[in-house]
Amino acid sequence: MFHFLDLPATVKQFSDFLESQIDLRTEAKTLEQFRENFKKFPRFQFPEPYWASDALLIESWEQGDSITKYCGTDEGVALSAMGLQAFLKMAIQDNLIHSDLVNLH
């Protein structure tokens, strides 16, 4: 039924993608690209990578608040609009989207 699927190639492609995501040199390059892409947007900040190996990344600390602080407020609506602006810039203009999983607890 699924003879048209090349399962080994699909697994290899997914594996290669995952391996690239855990190499922190890739993360450092992505941070540098985001800093360049958003340099005309001072309200958006990205850490500056100082040094990276495949397993270690040293970057600047960017102070911020938990997004939960703004839920249900007028500031939250403005924050949502900023997030949408950033996402659309990344997706449409820059063709580069990246996000990290975070724990909000």
PDB file of N, CA and C in Angstrom:
ATOM      1  N   MET A   1       0.817  -1.199   0.000  1.00  0.00           N
ATOM      2  CA  MET A   1       0.000   0.000   0.000  1.00  0.00           C
ATOM      3  C   MET A   1       0.863   1.266   0.000  1.00  0.00           C
ATOM      4  N   PHE A   2       1.941   1.276   0.773  1.00  0.00           N
ATOM      5  CA  PHE A   2       2.803   2.455   0.863  1.00  0.00           C
ATOM      6  C   PHE A   2       4.132   2.219   0.144  1.00  0.00           C
ATOM      7  N   HIS A   3       4.091   1.473  -0.943  1.00  0.00           N
ATOM      8  CA  HIS A   3       5.308   1.127  -1.669  1.00  0.00           C
ATOM      9  C   HIS A   3       6.040   2.356  -2.227  1.00  0.00           C
ATOM     10  N   PHE A   4       5.333   3.473  -2.393  1.00  0.00           N
ATOM     11  CA  PHE A   4       5.941   4.689  -2.937  1.00  0.00           C
ATOM     12  C   PHE A   4       6.772   5.438  -1.894  1.00  0.00           C
ATOM     13  N   LEU A   5       6.626   5.085  -0.611  1.00  0.00           N
ATOM     14  CA  LEU A   5       7.398   5.734   0.438  1.00  0.00           C
ATOM     15  C   LEU A   5       8.780   5.102   0.541  1.00  0.00           C
ATOM     16  N   ASP A   6       9.779   5.935   0.630  1.00  0.00           N
ATOM     17  CA  ASP A   6      11.146   5.458   0.834  1.00  0.00           C
ATOM     18  C   ASP A   6      11.470   5.678   2.304  1.00  0.00           C
ATOM     19  N   LEU A   7      11.032   4.730   3.133  1.00  0.00           N
ATOM     20  CA  LEU A   7      11.177   4.881   4.578  1.00  0.00           C
ATOM     21  C   LEU A   7      12.631   5.067   5.015  1.00  0.00           C
ATOM     22  N   PRO A   8      13.591   4.289   4.519  1.00  0.00           N
ATOM     23  CA  PRO A   8      14.984   4.519   4.938  1.00  0.00           C
ATOM     24  C   PRO A   8      15.482   5.936   4.609  1.00  0.00           C
ATOM     25  N   ALA A   9      15.137   6.453   3.438  1.00  0.00           N
ATOM     26  CA  ALA A   9      15.558   7.808   3.068  1.00  0.00           C
ATOM     27  C   ALA A   9      14.873   8.854   3.944  1.00  0.00           C
ATOM     28  N   THR A  10      13.614   8.631   4.256  1.00  0.00           N
ATOM     29  CA  THR A  10      12.882   9.557   5.117  1.00  0.00           C
ATOM     30  C   THR A  10      13.489   9.583   6.517  1.00  0.00           C
ATOM     31  N   VAL A  11      13.787   8.422   7.056  1.00  0.00           N
ATOM     32  CA  VAL A  11      14.405   8.337   8.384  1.00  0.00           C
ATOM     33  C   VAL A  11      15.781   8.998   8.369  1.00  0.00           C
ATOM     34  N   LYS A  12      16.560   8.783   7.308  1.00  0.00           N
ATOM     35  CA  LYS A  12      17.891   9.397   7.191  1.00  0.00           C
ATOM     36  C   LYS A  12      17.776  10.912   7.139  1.00  0.00           C
ATOM     37  N   GLN A  13      16.835  11.431   6.361  1.00  0.00           N
ATOM     38  CA  GLN A  13      16.644  12.870   6.253  1.00  0.00           C
ATOM     39  C   GLN A  13      16.256  13.461   7.615  1.00  0.00           C
ATOM     40  N   PHE A  14      15.349  12.811   8.316  1.00  0.00           N
ATOM     41  CA  PHE A  14      14.933  13.271   9.637  1.00  0.00           C
ATOM     42  C   PHE A  14      16.097  13.205  10.618  1.00  0.00           C
ATOM     43  N   SER A  15      16.874  12.134  10.559  1.00  0.00           N
ATOM     44  CA  SER A  15      18.037  11.973  11.431  1.00  0.00           C
ATOM     45  C   SER A  15      19.075  13.072  11.181  1.00  0.00           C
ATOM     46  N   ASP A  16      19.344  13.358   9.914  1.00  0.00           N
ATOM     47  CA  ASP A  16      20.298  14.421   9.575  1.00  0.00           C
ATOM     48  C   ASP A  16      19.825  15.765  10.110  1.00  0.00           C
ATOM     49  N   PHE A  17      18.525  16.023   9.978  1.00  0.00           N
ATOM     50  CA  PHE A  17      17.963  17.273  10.485  1.00  0.00           C
ATOM     51  C   PHE A  17      18.134  17.365  12.005  1.00  0.00           C
ATOM     52  N   LEU A  18      17.796  16.292  12.717  1.00  0.00           N
ATOM     53  CA  LEU A  18      17.928  16.303  14.177  1.00  0.00           C
ATOM     54  C   LEU A  18      19.377  16.488  14.604  1.00  0.00           C
ATOM     55  N   GLU A  19      20.287  15.827  13.927  1.00  0.00           N
ATOM     56  CA  GLU A  19      21.706  15.986  14.262  1.00  0.00           C
ATOM     57  C   GLU A  19      22.162  17.426  14.057  1.00  0.00           C
ATOM     58  N   SER A  20      21.696  18.065  13.008  1.00  0.00           N
ATOM     59  CA  SER A  20      22.073  19.464  12.778  1.00  0.00           C
ATOM     60  C   SER A  20      21.522  20.367  13.871  1.00  0.00           C
ATOM     61  N   GLN A  21      20.383  19.995  14.435  1.00  0.00           N
ATOM     62  CA  GLN A  21      19.761  20.813  15.468  1.00  0.00           C
ATOM     63  C   GLN A  21      20.458  20.700  16.819  1.00  0.00           C
ATOM     64  N   ILE A  22      21.164  19.621  17.057  1.00  0.00           N
ATOM     65  CA  ILE A  22      21.846  19.482  18.347  1.00  0.00           C
ATOM     66  C   ILE A  22      23.296  19.937  18.281  1.00  0.00           C
ATOM     67  N   ASP A  23      23.774  20.336  17.111  1.00  0.00           N
ATOM     68  CA  ASP A  23      25.105  20.908  16.979  1.00  0.00           C
ATOM     69  C   ASP A  23      24.986  22.398  17.305  1.00  0.00           C
ATOM     70  N   LEU A  24      25.563  22.809  18.415  1.00  0.00           N
ATOM     71  CA  LEU A  24      25.371  24.184  18.878  1.00  0.00           C
ATOM     72  C   LEU A  24      26.101  25.215  18.025  1.00  0.00           C
ATOM     73  N   ARG A  25      26.970  24.781  17.134  1.00  0.00           N
ATOM     74  CA  ARG A  25      27.558  25.723  16.172  1.00  0.00           C
ATOM     75  C   ARG A  25      26.474  26.201  15.209  1.00  0.00           C
ATOM     76  N   THR A  26      25.534  25.321  14.880  1.00  0.00           N
ATOM     77  CA  THR A  26      24.394  25.708  14.047  1.00  0.00           C
ATOM     78  C   THR A  26      23.538  26.732  14.775  1.00  0.00           C
ATOM     79  N   GLU A  27      23.319  26.516  16.055  1.00  0.00           N
ATOM     80  CA  GLU A  27      22.546  27.475  16.868  1.00  0.00           C
ATOM     81  C   GLU A  27      23.238  28.838  16.877  1.00  0.00           C
ATOM     82  N   ALA A  28      24.557  28.857  17.016  1.00  0.00           N
ATOM     83  CA  ALA A  28      25.307  30.117  17.023  1.00  0.00           C
ATOM     84  C   ALA A  28      25.160  30.844  15.685  1.00  0.00           C
ATOM     85  N   LYS A  29      25.248  30.118  14.580  1.00  0.00           N
ATOM     86  CA  LYS A  29      25.089  30.734  13.257  1.00  0.00           C
ATOM     87  C   LYS A  29      23.684  31.296  13.091  1.00  0.00           C
ATOM     88  N   THR A  30      22.689  30.562  13.597  1.00  0.00           N
ATOM     89  CA  THR A  30      21.312  31.033  13.514  1.00  0.00           C
ATOM     90  C   THR A  30      21.131  32.310  14.325  1.00  0.00           C
ATOM     91  N   LEU A  31      21.708  32.357  15.523  1.00  0.00           N
ATOM     92  CA  LEU A  31      21.631  33.576  16.342  1.00  0.00           C
ATOM     93  C   LEU A  31      22.265  34.756  15.616  1.00  0.00           C
ATOM     94  N   GLU A  32      23.413  34.527  15.002  1.00  0.00           N
ATOM     95  CA  GLU A  32      24.068  35.607  14.260  1.00  0.00           C
ATOM     96  C   GLU A  32      23.185  36.088  13.114  1.00  0.00           C
ATOM     97  N   GLN A  33      22.526  35.163  12.431  1.00  0.00           N
ATOM     98  CA  GLN A  33      21.653  35.542  11.324  1.00  0.00           C
ATOM     99  C   GLN A  33      20.437  36.326  11.827  1.00  0.00           C
ATOM    100  N   PHE A  34      19.840  35.886  12.940  1.00  0.00           N
ATOM    101  CA  PHE A  34      18.714  36.626  13.503  1.00  0.00           C
ATOM    102  C   PHE A  34      19.133  38.028  13.937  1.00  0.00           C
ATOM    103  N   ARG A  35      20.289  38.146  14.548  1.00  0.00           N
ATOM    104  CA  ARG A  35      20.767  39.469  14.961  1.00  0.00           C
ATOM    105  C   ARG A  35      20.917  40.385  13.744  1.00  0.00           C
ATOM    106  N   GLU A  36      21.412  39.843  12.643  1.00  0.00           N
ATOM    107  CA  GLU A  36      21.549  40.616  11.410  1.00  0.00           C
ATOM    108  C   GLU A  36      20.173  40.955  10.830  1.00  0.00           C
ATOM    109  N   ASN A  37      19.289  39.972  10.764  1.00  0.00           N
ATOM    110  CA  ASN A  37      17.966  40.182  10.168  1.00  0.00           C
ATOM    111  C   ASN A  37      17.126  41.194  10.939  1.00  0.00           C
ATOM    112  N   PHE A  38      17.331  41.282  12.254  1.00  0.00           N
ATOM    113  CA  PHE A  38      16.496  42.155  13.089  1.00  0.00           C
ATOM    114  C   PHE A  38      17.235  43.400  13.587  1.00  0.00           C
ATOM    115  N   LYS A  39      18.376  43.736  12.991  1.00  0.00           N
ATOM    116  CA  LYS A  39      19.136  44.873  13.506  1.00  0.00           C
ATOM    117  C   LYS A  39      18.399  46.205  13.349  1.00  0.00           C
ATOM    118  N   LYS A  40      17.440  46.287  12.447  1.00  0.00           N
ATOM    119  CA  LYS A  40      16.644  47.512  12.276  1.00  0.00           C
ATOM    120  C   LYS A  40      15.389  47.513  13.138  1.00  0.00           C
ATOM    121  N   PHE A  41      15.229  46.492  13.978  1.00  0.00           N
ATOM    122  CA  PHE A  41      14.065  46.355  14.848  1.00  0.00           C
ATOM    123  C   PHE A  41      14.545  46.303  16.302  1.00  0.00           C
ATOM    124  N   PRO A  42      14.782  47.448  16.938  1.00  0.00           N
ATOM    125  CA  PRO A  42      15.396  47.456  18.271  1.00  0.00           C
ATOM    126  C   PRO A  42      14.563  46.797  19.371  1.00  0.00           C
ATOM    127  N   ARG A  43      13.277  46.589  19.146  1.00  0.00           N
ATOM    128  CA  ARG A  43      12.450  45.958  20.180  1.00  0.00           C
ATOM    129  C   ARG A  43      12.653  44.450  20.243  1.00  0.00           C
ATOM    130  N   PHE A  44      13.285  43.883  19.218  1.00  0.00           N
ATOM    131  CA  PHE A  44      13.573  42.451  19.193  1.00  0.00           C
ATOM    132  C   PHE A  44      15.047  42.250  19.521  1.00  0.00           C
ATOM    133  N   GLN A  45      15.301  41.392  20.495  1.00  0.00           N
ATOM    134  CA  GLN A  45      16.678  41.139  20.901  1.00  0.00           C
ATOM    135  C   GLN A  45      16.973  39.648  20.832  1.00  0.00           C
ATOM    136  N   PHE A  46      18.153  39.346  20.381  1.00  0.00           N
ATOM    137  CA  PHE A  46      18.627  37.969  20.323  1.00  0.00           C
ATOM    138  C   PHE A  46      19.985  37.918  21.000  1.00  0.00           C
ATOM    139  N   PRO A  47      20.272  36.857  21.726  1.00  0.00           N
ATOM    140  CA  PRO A  47      21.581  36.757  22.377  1.00  0.00           C
ATOM    141  C   PRO A  47      22.709  36.805  21.350  1.00  0.00           C
ATOM    142  N   GLU A  48      23.839  37.320  21.792  1.00  0.00           N
ATOM    143  CA  GLU A  48      25.031  37.333  20.946  1.00  0.00           C
ATOM    144  C   GLU A  48      25.857  36.096  21.257  1.00  0.00           C
ATOM    145  N   PRO A  49      26.122  35.275  20.258  1.00  0.00           N
ATOM    146  CA  PRO A  49      26.968  34.108  20.515  1.00  0.00           C
ATOM    147  C   PRO A  49      28.430  34.546  20.628  1.00  0.00           C
ATOM    148  N   TYR A  50      29.082  34.117  21.694  1.00  0.00           N
ATOM    149  CA  TYR A  50      30.491  34.453  21.890  1.00  0.00           C
ATOM    150  C   TYR A  50      31.408  33.330  21.405  1.00  0.00           C
ATOM    151  N   TRP A  51      30.982  32.098  21.630  1.00  0.00           N
ATOM    152  CA  TRP A  51      31.812  30.946  21.271  1.00  0.00           C
ATOM    153  C   TRP A  51      30.930  29.717  21.202  1.00  0.00           C
ATOM    154  N   ALA A  52      31.230  28.821  20.271  1.00  0.00           N
ATOM    155  CA  ALA A  52      30.424  27.603  20.159  1.00  0.00           C
ATOM    156  C   ALA A  52      31.279  26.438  19.696  1.00  0.00           C
ATOM    157  N   SER A  53      30.972  25.279  20.241  1.00  0.00           N
ATOM    158  CA  SER A  53      31.467  24.005  19.735  1.00  0.00           C
ATOM    159  C   SER A  53      30.226  23.178  19.422  1.00  0.00           C
ATOM    160  N   ASP A  54      30.409  21.919  19.044  1.00  0.00           N
ATOM    161  CA  ASP A  54      29.234  21.113  18.752  1.00  0.00           C
ATOM    162  C   ASP A  54      28.371  20.866  19.991  1.00  0.00           C
ATOM    163  N   ALA A  55      28.986  20.948  21.186  1.00  0.00           N
ATOM    164  CA  ALA A  55      28.260  20.616  22.417  1.00  0.00           C
ATOM    165  C   ALA A  55      28.162  21.758  23.423  1.00  0.00           C
ATOM    166  N   LEU A  56      28.746  22.926  23.119  1.00  0.00           N
ATOM    167  CA  LEU A  56      28.734  24.034  24.075  1.00  0.00           C
ATOM    168  C   LEU A  56      28.574  25.347  23.334  1.00  0.00           C
ATOM    169  N   LEU A  57      27.673  26.186  23.844  1.00  0.00           N
ATOM    170  CA  LEU A  57      27.442  27.511  23.272  1.00  0.00           C
ATOM    171  C   LEU A  57      27.468  28.527  24.399  1.00  0.00           C
ATOM    172  N   ILE A  58      28.305  29.537  24.247  1.00  0.00           N
ATOM    173  CA  ILE A  58      28.369  30.633  25.217  1.00  0.00           C
ATOM    174  C   ILE A  58      27.819  31.868  24.518  1.00  0.00           C
ATOM    175  N   GLU A  59      26.799  32.466  25.147  1.00  0.00           N
ATOM    176  CA  GLU A  59      26.140  33.615  24.540  1.00  0.00           C
ATOM    177  C   GLU A  59      25.795  34.643  25.600  1.00  0.00           C
ATOM    178  N   SER A  60      25.448  35.842  25.149  1.00  0.00           N
ATOM    179  CA  SER A  60      25.080  36.918  26.063  1.00  0.00           C
ATOM    180  C   SER A  60      23.765  36.602  26.766  1.00  0.00           C
ATOM    181  N   TRP A  61      23.582  37.224  27.926  1.00  0.00           N
ATOM    182  CA  TRP A  61      22.334  37.095  28.671  1.00  0.00           C
ATOM    183  C   TRP A  61      21.431  38.248  28.271  1.00  0.00           C
ATOM    184  N   GLU A  62      20.196  37.935  27.905  1.00  0.00           N
ATOM    185  CA  GLU A  62      19.215  38.960  27.559  1.00  0.00           C
ATOM    186  C   GLU A  62      18.129  38.947  28.617  1.00  0.00           C
ATOM    187  N   GLN A  63      17.988  40.047  29.321  1.00  0.00           N
ATOM    188  CA  GLN A  63      16.995  40.153  30.381  1.00  0.00           C
ATOM    189  C   GLN A  63      15.602  40.205  29.783  1.00  0.00           C
ATOM    190  N   GLY A  64      14.650  39.573  30.418  1.00  0.00           N
ATOM    191  CA  GLY A  64      13.280  39.606  29.934  1.00  0.00           C
ATOM    192  C   GLY A  64      12.317  39.132  30.998  1.00  0.00           C
ATOM    193  N   ASP A  65      11.052  39.171  30.666  1.00  0.00           N
ATOM    194  CA  ASP A  65       9.986  38.722  31.559  1.00  0.00           C
ATOM    195  C   ASP A  65       9.334  37.479  30.979  1.00  0.00           C
ATOM    196  N   SER A  66       8.697  36.713  31.841  1.00  0.00           N
ATOM    197  CA  SER A  66       7.909  35.584  31.377  1.00  0.00           C
ATOM    198  C   SER A  66       6.694  36.115  30.628  1.00  0.00           C
ATOM    199  N   ILE A  67       6.370  35.479  29.524  1.00  0.00           N
ATOM    200  CA  ILE A  67       5.222  35.907  28.729  1.00  0.00           C
ATOM    201  C   ILE A  67       3.922  35.791  29.528  1.00  0.00           C
ATOM    202  N   THR A  68       3.894  34.912  30.524  1.00  0.00           N
ATOM    203  CA  THR A  68       2.685  34.748  31.335  1.00  0.00           C
ATOM    204  C   THR A  68       2.354  36.019  32.115  1.00  0.00           C
ATOM    205  N   LYS A  69       3.342  36.865  32.342  1.00  0.00           N
ATOM    206  CA  LYS A  69       3.110  38.142  33.042  1.00  0.00           C
ATOM    207  C   LYS A  69       2.131  39.016  32.264  1.00  0.00           C
ATOM    208  N   TYR A  70       2.059  38.847  30.961  1.00  0.00           N
ATOM    209  CA  TYR A  70       1.267  39.728  30.103  1.00  0.00           C
ATOM    210  C   TYR A  70      -0.040  39.109  29.627  1.00  0.00           C
ATOM    211  N   CYS A  71      -0.280  37.862  29.953  1.00  0.00           N
ATOM    212  CA  CYS A  71      -1.512  37.207  29.517  1.00  0.00           C
ATOM    213  C   CYS A  71      -2.735  37.927  30.085  1.00  0.00           C
ATOM    214  N   GLY A  72      -3.697  38.201  29.218  1.00  0.00           N
ATOM    215  CA  GLY A  72      -4.933  38.839  29.654  1.00  0.00           C
ATOM    216  C   GLY A  72      -4.823  40.328  29.890  1.00  0.00           C
ATOM    217  N   THR A  73      -3.761  40.970  29.425  1.00  0.00           N
ATOM    218  CA  THR A  73      -3.586  42.410  29.608  1.00  0.00           C
ATOM    219  C   THR A  73      -3.513  43.102  28.257  1.00  0.00           C
ATOM    220  N   ASP A  74      -3.665  44.436  28.269  1.00  0.00           N
ATOM    221  CA  ASP A  74      -3.496  45.209  27.034  1.00  0.00           C
ATOM    222  C   ASP A  74      -2.072  45.081  26.504  1.00  0.00           C
ATOM    223  N   GLU A  75      -1.109  45.006  27.423  1.00  0.00           N
ATOM    224  CA  GLU A  75       0.277  44.811  26.997  1.00  0.00           C
ATOM    225  C   GLU A  75       0.438  43.464  26.302  1.00  0.00           C
ATOM    226  N   GLY A  76      -0.337  42.479  26.729  1.00  0.00           N
ATOM    227  CA  GLY A  76      -0.300  41.164  26.093  1.00  0.00           C
ATOM    228  C   GLY A  76      -0.758  41.210  24.651  1.00  0.00           C
ATOM    229  N   VAL A  77      -1.753  42.046  24.375  1.00  0.00           N
ATOM    230  CA  VAL A  77      -2.232  42.210  23.000  1.00  0.00           C
ATOM    231  C   VAL A  77      -1.125  42.822  22.143  1.00  0.00           C
ATOM    232  N   ALA A  78      -0.449  43.847  22.676  1.00  0.00           N
ATOM    233  CA  ALA A  78       0.655  44.470  21.951  1.00  0.00           C
ATOM    234  C   ALA A  78       1.802  43.477  21.748  1.00  0.00           C
ATOM    235  N   LEU A  79       2.061  42.674  22.767  1.00  0.00           N
ATOM    236  CA  LEU A  79       3.106  41.662  22.675  1.00  0.00           C
ATOM    237  C   LEU A  79       2.761  40.623  21.609  1.00  0.00           C
ATOM    238  N   SER A  80       1.495  40.247  21.539  1.00  0.00           N
ATOM    239  CA  SER A  80       1.049  39.307  20.508  1.00  0.00           C
ATOM    240  C   SER A  80       1.269  39.884  19.117  1.00  0.00           C
ATOM    241  N   ALA A  81       0.978  41.162  18.944  1.00  0.00           N
ATOM    242  CA  ALA A  81       1.177  41.812  17.646  1.00  0.00           C
ATOM    243  C   ALA A  81       2.663  41.833  17.285  1.00  0.00           C
ATOM    244  N   MET A  82       3.512  42.082  18.268  1.00  0.00           N
ATOM    245  CA  MET A  82       4.955  42.054  18.020  1.00  0.00           C
ATOM    246  C   MET A  82       5.413  40.653  17.626  1.00  0.00           C
ATOM    247  N   GLY A  83       4.886  39.646  18.304  1.00  0.00           N
ATOM    248  CA  GLY A  83       5.239  38.269  17.977  1.00  0.00           C
ATOM    249  C   GLY A  83       4.821  37.893  16.573  1.00  0.00           C
ATOM    250  N   LEU A  84       3.628  38.322  16.180  1.00  0.00           N
ATOM    251  CA  LEU A  84       3.154  38.068  14.823  1.00  0.00           C
ATOM    252  C   LEU A  84       4.042  38.784  13.808  1.00  0.00           C
ATOM    253  N   GLN A  85       4.405  40.026  14.093  1.00  0.00           N
ATOM    254  CA  GLN A  85       5.291  40.779  13.207  1.00  0.00           C
ATOM    255  C   GLN A  85       6.622  40.047  13.030  1.00  0.00           C
ATOM    256  N   ALA A  86       7.184  39.569  14.134  1.00  0.00           N
ATOM    257  CA  ALA A  86       8.459  38.861  14.071  1.00  0.00           C
ATOM    258  C   ALA A  86       8.323  37.565  13.282  1.00  0.00           C
ATOM    259  N   PHE A  87       7.254  36.814  13.551  1.00  0.00           N
ATOM    260  CA  PHE A  87       7.049  35.552  12.842  1.00  0.00           C
ATOM    261  C   PHE A  87       6.897  35.774  11.340  1.00  0.00           C
ATOM    262  N   LEU A  88       6.088  36.753  10.943  1.00  0.00           N
ATOM    263  CA  LEU A  88       5.877  37.013   9.524  1.00  0.00           C
ATOM    264  C   LEU A  88       7.159  37.481   8.851  1.00  0.00           C
ATOM    265  N   LYS A  89       7.950  38.291   9.549  1.00  0.00           N
ATOM    266  CA  LYS A  89       9.245  38.714   9.006  1.00  0.00           C
ATOM    267  C   LYS A  89      10.127  37.494   8.784  1.00  0.00           C
ATOM    268  N   MET A  90      10.197  36.617   9.789  1.00  0.00           N
ATOM    269  CA  MET A  90      11.025  35.422   9.663  1.00  0.00           C
ATOM    270  C   MET A  90      10.536  34.533   8.519  1.00  0.00           C
ATOM    271  N   ALA A  91       9.228  34.289   8.463  1.00  0.00           N
ATOM    272  CA  ALA A  91       8.673  33.333   7.505  1.00  0.00           C
ATOM    273  C   ALA A  91       8.653  33.865   6.080  1.00  0.00           C
ATOM    274  N   ILE A  92       8.243  35.103   5.899  1.00  0.00           N
ATOM    275  CA  ILE A  92       8.024  35.629   4.553  1.00  0.00           C
ATOM    276  C   ILE A  92       9.249  36.376   4.019  1.00  0.00           C
ATOM    277  N   GLN A  93       9.798  37.267   4.819  1.00  0.00           N
ATOM    278  CA  GLN A  93      10.903  38.090   4.332  1.00  0.00           C
ATOM    279  C   GLN A  93      12.246  37.368   4.409  1.00  0.00           C
ATOM    280  N   ASP A  94      12.517  36.719   5.550  1.00  0.00           N
ATOM    281  CA  ASP A  94      13.843  36.133   5.774  1.00  0.00           C
ATOM    282  C   ASP A  94      13.938  34.656   5.411  1.00  0.00           C
ATOM    283  N   ASN A  95      12.811  33.964   5.326  1.00  0.00           N
ATOM    284  CA  ASN A  95      12.782  32.522   5.072  1.00  0.00           C
ATOM    285  C   ASN A  95      13.663  31.771   6.076  1.00  0.00           C
ATOM    286  N   LEU A  96      13.584  32.179   7.327  1.00  0.00           N
ATOM    287  CA  LEU A  96      14.355  31.546   8.395  1.00  0.00           C
ATOM    288  C   LEU A  96      13.535  31.596   9.676  1.00  0.00           C
ATOM    289  N   ILE A  97      13.051  30.448  10.102  1.00  0.00           N
ATOM    290  CA  ILE A  97      12.268  30.363  11.329  1.00  0.00           C
ATOM    291  C   ILE A  97      13.004  29.451  12.282  1.00  0.00           C
ATOM    292  N   HIS A  98      13.067  29.875  13.523  1.00  0.00           N
ATOM    293  CA  HIS A  98      13.728  29.074  14.549  1.00  0.00           C
ATOM    294  C   HIS A  98      13.030  29.347  15.871  1.00  0.00           C
ATOM    295  N   SER A  99      12.880  28.321  16.660  1.00  0.00           N
ATOM    296  CA  SER A  99      12.324  28.518  17.994  1.00  0.00           C
ATOM    297  C   SER A  99      12.883  27.450  18.919  1.00  0.00           C
ATOM    298  N   ASP A 100      12.857  27.751  20.185  1.00  0.00           N
ATOM    299  CA  ASP A 100      13.304  26.812  21.198  1.00  0.00           C
ATOM    300  C   ASP A 100      12.120  26.422  22.061  1.00  0.00           C
ATOM    301  N   LEU A 101      12.104  25.205  22.490  1.00  0.00           N
ATOM    302  CA  LEU A 101      11.077  24.780  23.440  1.00  0.00           C
ATOM    303  C   LEU A 101      11.423  25.358  24.805  1.00  0.00           C
ATOM    304  N   VAL A 102      10.441  25.873  25.480  1.00  0.00           N
ATOM    305  CA  VAL A 102      10.669  26.453  26.808  1.00  0.00           C
ATOM    306  C   VAL A 102       9.669  25.871  27.786  1.00  0.00           C
ATOM    307  N   ASN A 103      10.023  25.891  29.028  1.00  0.00           N
ATOM    308  CA  ASN A 103       9.146  25.436  30.101  1.00  0.00           C
ATOM    309  C   ASN A 103       8.635  26.686  30.809  1.00  0.00           C
ATOM    310  N   LEU A 104       7.346  26.905  30.794  1.00  0.00           N
ATOM    311  CA  LEU A 104       6.771  28.109  31.402  1.00  0.00           C
ATOM    312  C   LEU A 104       6.430  27.933  32.869  1.00  0.00           C
ATOM    313  N   HIS A 105       6.835  26.841  33.462  1.00  0.00           N
ATOM    314  CA  HIS A 105       6.527  26.621  34.873  1.00  0.00           C
ATOM    315  C   HIS A 105       7.583  27.210  35.756  1.00  0.00           C
TER     316      HIS A 105
END
